[in-house]
C-alpha atoms as a PDB file:
ATOM      1  CA  MET A   1     -25.302  -5.660  23.196  1.00  0.00           C
ATOM      2  CA  LEU A   2     -23.440  -7.212  20.289  1.00  0.00           C
ATOM      3  CA  ALA A   3     -20.311  -5.602  18.887  1.00  0.00           C
ATOM      4  CA  ARG A   4     -20.728  -3.774  15.595  1.00  0.00           C
ATOM      5  CA  VAL A   5     -19.131  -4.592  12.278  1.00  0.00           C
ATOM      6  CA  ARG A   6     -16.068  -2.401  11.718  1.00  0.00           C
ATOM      7  CA  ASN A   7     -15.927  -1.239   8.101  1.00  0.00           C
ATOM      8  CA  LYS A   8     -12.808   0.817   7.335  1.00  0.00           C
ATOM      9  CA  VAL A   9     -12.900   2.566   3.950  1.00  0.00           C
ATOM     10  CA  LEU A  10      -9.521   2.270   2.235  1.00  0.00           C
ATOM     11  CA  PHE A  11     -10.578   3.801  -1.085  1.00  0.00           C
ATOM     12  CA  THR A  12     -13.826   4.728  -2.770  1.00  0.00           C
ATOM     13  CA  SER A  13     -14.926   6.132  -6.127  1.00  0.00           C
ATOM     14  CA  LYS A  14     -17.980   5.808  -8.381  1.00  0.00           C
ATOM     15  CA  ARG A  15     -16.917   2.447  -9.786  1.00  0.00           C
ATOM     16  CA  PHE A  16     -14.323   1.005  -7.393  1.00  0.00           C
ATOM     17  CA  SER A  17     -13.977   0.723  -3.630  1.00  0.00           C
ATOM     18  CA  ALA A  18     -11.818  -1.103  -1.113  1.00  0.00           C
ATOM     19  CA  TYR A  19     -12.664  -1.861   2.518  1.00  0.00           C
ATOM     20  CA  LEU A  20     -11.183  -3.627   5.516  1.00  0.00           C
ATOM     21  CA  VAL A  21     -14.144  -5.277   7.246  1.00  0.00           C
ATOM     22  CA  THR A  22     -14.158  -6.951  10.669  1.00  0.00           C
ATOM     23  CA  TYR A  23     -17.137  -9.049  11.723  1.00  0.00           C
ATOM     24  CA  PRO A  24     -17.279  -9.708  15.500  1.00  0.00           C
ATOM     25  CA  LYS A  25     -18.378 -12.792  17.407  1.00  0.00           C
ATOM     26  CA  GLN A  26     -22.129 -13.556  17.103  1.00  0.00           C
ATOM     27  CA  HIS A  27     -22.497 -11.553  13.877  1.00  0.00           C
ATOM     28  CA  LYS A  28     -24.074 -13.162  10.825  1.00  0.00           C
ATOM     29  CA  VAL A  29     -25.114 -11.951   7.394  1.00  0.00           C
ATOM     30  CA  MET A  30     -28.543 -13.060   6.232  1.00  0.00           C
ATOM     31  CA  ASN A  31     -29.044 -14.369   2.691  1.00  0.00           C
ATOM     32  CA  HIS A  32     -29.399 -11.376   0.345  1.00  0.00           C
ATOM     33  CA  ILE A  33     -28.616  -9.757  -3.012  1.00  0.00           C
ATOM     34  CA  ASP A  34     -26.989  -6.295  -3.358  1.00  0.00           C
ATOM     35  CA  PRO A  35     -28.825  -4.470  -6.159  1.00  0.00           C
ATOM     36  CA  VAL A  36     -27.169  -1.782  -8.300  1.00  0.00           C
ATOM     37  CA  ALA A  37     -28.973   0.864 -10.378  1.00  0.00           C
ATOM     38  CA  LYS A  38     -27.134  -0.143 -13.552  1.00  0.00           C
ATOM     39  CA  GLY A  39     -24.108  -2.125 -14.601  1.00  0.00           C
ATOM     40  CA  LYS A  40     -22.534  -5.325 -13.328  1.00  0.00           C
ATOM     41  CA  TYR A  41     -21.384  -5.507  -9.709  1.00  0.00           C
ATOM     42  CA  PHE A  42     -18.354  -7.638  -8.782  1.00  0.00           C
ATOM     43  CA  LYS A  43     -16.929  -8.328  -5.322  1.00  0.00           C
ATOM     44  CA  PHE A  44     -13.457  -9.712  -4.660  1.00  0.00           C
ATOM     45  CA  ASN A  45     -13.029 -10.713  -1.009  1.00  0.00           C
ATOM     46  CA  ILE A  46      -9.896 -11.996   0.676  1.00  0.00           C
ATOM     47  CA  VAL A  47     -10.452 -13.475   4.142  1.00  0.00           C
ATOM     48  CA  LEU A  48      -7.511 -12.323   6.263  1.00  0.00           C
ATOM     49  CA  ARG A  49      -8.714 -13.920   9.513  1.00  0.00           C
ATOM     50  CA  GLN A  50     -11.101 -16.845   9.781  1.00  0.00           C
ATOM     51  CA  PRO A  51     -13.145 -17.213  12.974  1.00  0.00           C
ATOM     52  CA  LYS A  52     -12.371 -20.273  15.081  1.00  0.00           C
ATOM     53  CA  MET A  53     -15.995 -21.415  14.697  1.00  0.00           C
ATOM     54  CA  GLY A  54     -18.701 -20.328  12.270  1.00  0.00           C
ATOM     55  CA  GLY A  55     -18.506 -17.370   9.919  1.00  0.00           C
ATOM     56  CA  VAL A  56     -18.732 -19.493   6.785  1.00  0.00           C
ATOM     57  CA  PHE A  57     -19.425 -17.626   3.529  1.00  0.00           C
ATOM     58  CA  HIS A  58     -22.078 -19.094   1.232  1.00  0.00           C
ATOM     59  CA  CYS A  59     -22.819 -17.899  -2.281  1.00  0.00           C
ATOM     60  CA  GLN A  60     -25.369 -19.209  -4.757  1.00  0.00           C
ATOM     61  CA  LYS A  61     -22.666 -19.042  -7.465  1.00  0.00           C
ATOM     62  CA  CYS A  62     -19.029 -17.931  -7.119  1.00  0.00           C
ATOM     63  CA  ILE A  63     -16.858 -17.058 -10.098  1.00  0.00           C
ATOM     64  CA  VAL A  64     -13.786 -17.956  -8.021  1.00  0.00           C
ATOM     65  CA  ASN A  65     -13.526 -19.697  -4.640  1.00  0.00           C
ATOM     66  CA  LEU A  66      -9.959 -20.483  -3.597  1.00  0.00           C
ATOM     67  CA  PHE A  67      -9.550 -22.498  -0.403  1.00  0.00           C
ATOM     68  CA  GLY A  68     -12.585 -20.808   1.202  1.00  0.00           C
ATOM     69  CA  ARG A  69     -10.499 -17.643   1.639  1.00  0.00           C
ATOM     70  CA  VAL A  70     -10.563 -15.845  -1.728  1.00  0.00           C
ATOM     71  CA  TYR A  71     -13.865 -15.144  -3.462  1.00  0.00           C
ATOM     72  CA  LEU A  72     -14.924 -13.407  -6.647  1.00  0.00           C
ATOM     73  CA  PHE A  73     -18.688 -13.217  -7.083  1.00  0.00           C
ATOM     74  CA  ARG A  74     -21.584 -11.143  -8.393  1.00  0.00           C
ATOM     75  CA  PRO A  75     -23.466  -9.823  -5.314  1.00  0.00           C
ATOM     76  CA  ASP A  76     -26.063  -8.165  -7.570  1.00  0.00           C
ATOM     77  CA  LYS A  77     -26.982 -11.448  -9.227  1.00  0.00           C
ATOM     78  CA  TYR A  78     -26.522 -14.262  -6.687  1.00  0.00           C
ATOM     79  CA  GLU A  79     -27.681 -14.645  -3.091  1.00  0.00           C
ATOM     80  CA  HIS A  80     -24.910 -14.736  -0.496  1.00  0.00           C
ATOM     81  CA  SER A  81     -24.623 -14.968   3.295  1.00  0.00           C
ATOM     82  CA  VAL A  82     -22.278 -15.642   6.223  1.00  0.00           C
ATOM     83  CA  THR A  83     -23.168 -18.036   9.047  1.00  0.00           C
ATOM     84  CA  ARG A  84     -23.103 -16.839  12.657  1.00  0.00           C
ATOM     85  CA  ILE A  85     -19.598 -16.390  14.064  1.00  0.00           C
ATOM     86  CA  GLU A  86     -19.546 -18.574  17.166  1.00  0.00           C
ATOM     87  CA  GLU A  87     -15.956 -17.938  18.249  1.00  0.00           C
ATOM     88  CA  GLY A  88     -13.348 -15.388  17.148  1.00  0.00           C
ATOM     89  CA  GLU A  89     -13.837 -12.792  14.437  1.00  0.00           C
ATOM     90  CA  ARG A  90     -13.839 -12.662  10.637  1.00  0.00           C
ATOM     91  CA  LYS A  91     -11.690 -10.052   8.915  1.00  0.00           C
ATOM     92  CA  LEU A  92     -11.613  -9.482   5.193  1.00  0.00           C
ATOM     93  CA  LEU A  93     -10.231  -7.197   2.550  1.00  0.00           C
ATOM     94  CA  SER A  94     -13.079  -6.420   0.182  1.00  0.00           C
ATOM     95  CA  PHE A  95     -12.876  -4.875  -3.278  1.00  0.00           C
ATOM     96  CA  ALA A  96     -16.031  -3.805  -5.139  1.00  0.00           C
ATOM     97  CA  LEU A  97     -16.216  -2.946  -8.843  1.00  0.00           C
ATOM     98  CA  ILE A  98     -19.169  -1.778 -10.906  1.00  0.00           C
ATOM     99  CA  LEU A  99     -18.795  -2.072 -14.684  1.00  0.00           C
END
């Protein structure tokens, strides 16, 4: 059995949330869009720990992509995914904002 994603809620409200997310070895995120009922959805992710192999983030269109570690994107508008983590784990600090 594969290990589960650990998603620690740091803060949450109607419009803003912050999470510490840990993706284990063998986890991947399929290509998808995150719909919202109304408004514009923004995600700001900071990769704190890169896996040794795999775990590469792909986004159809990023607003900001700094060094493959800091991303600002619209998950409600553009498809995004993460490749399978082959070795190590991926840990990120994730901020979500709905305007």
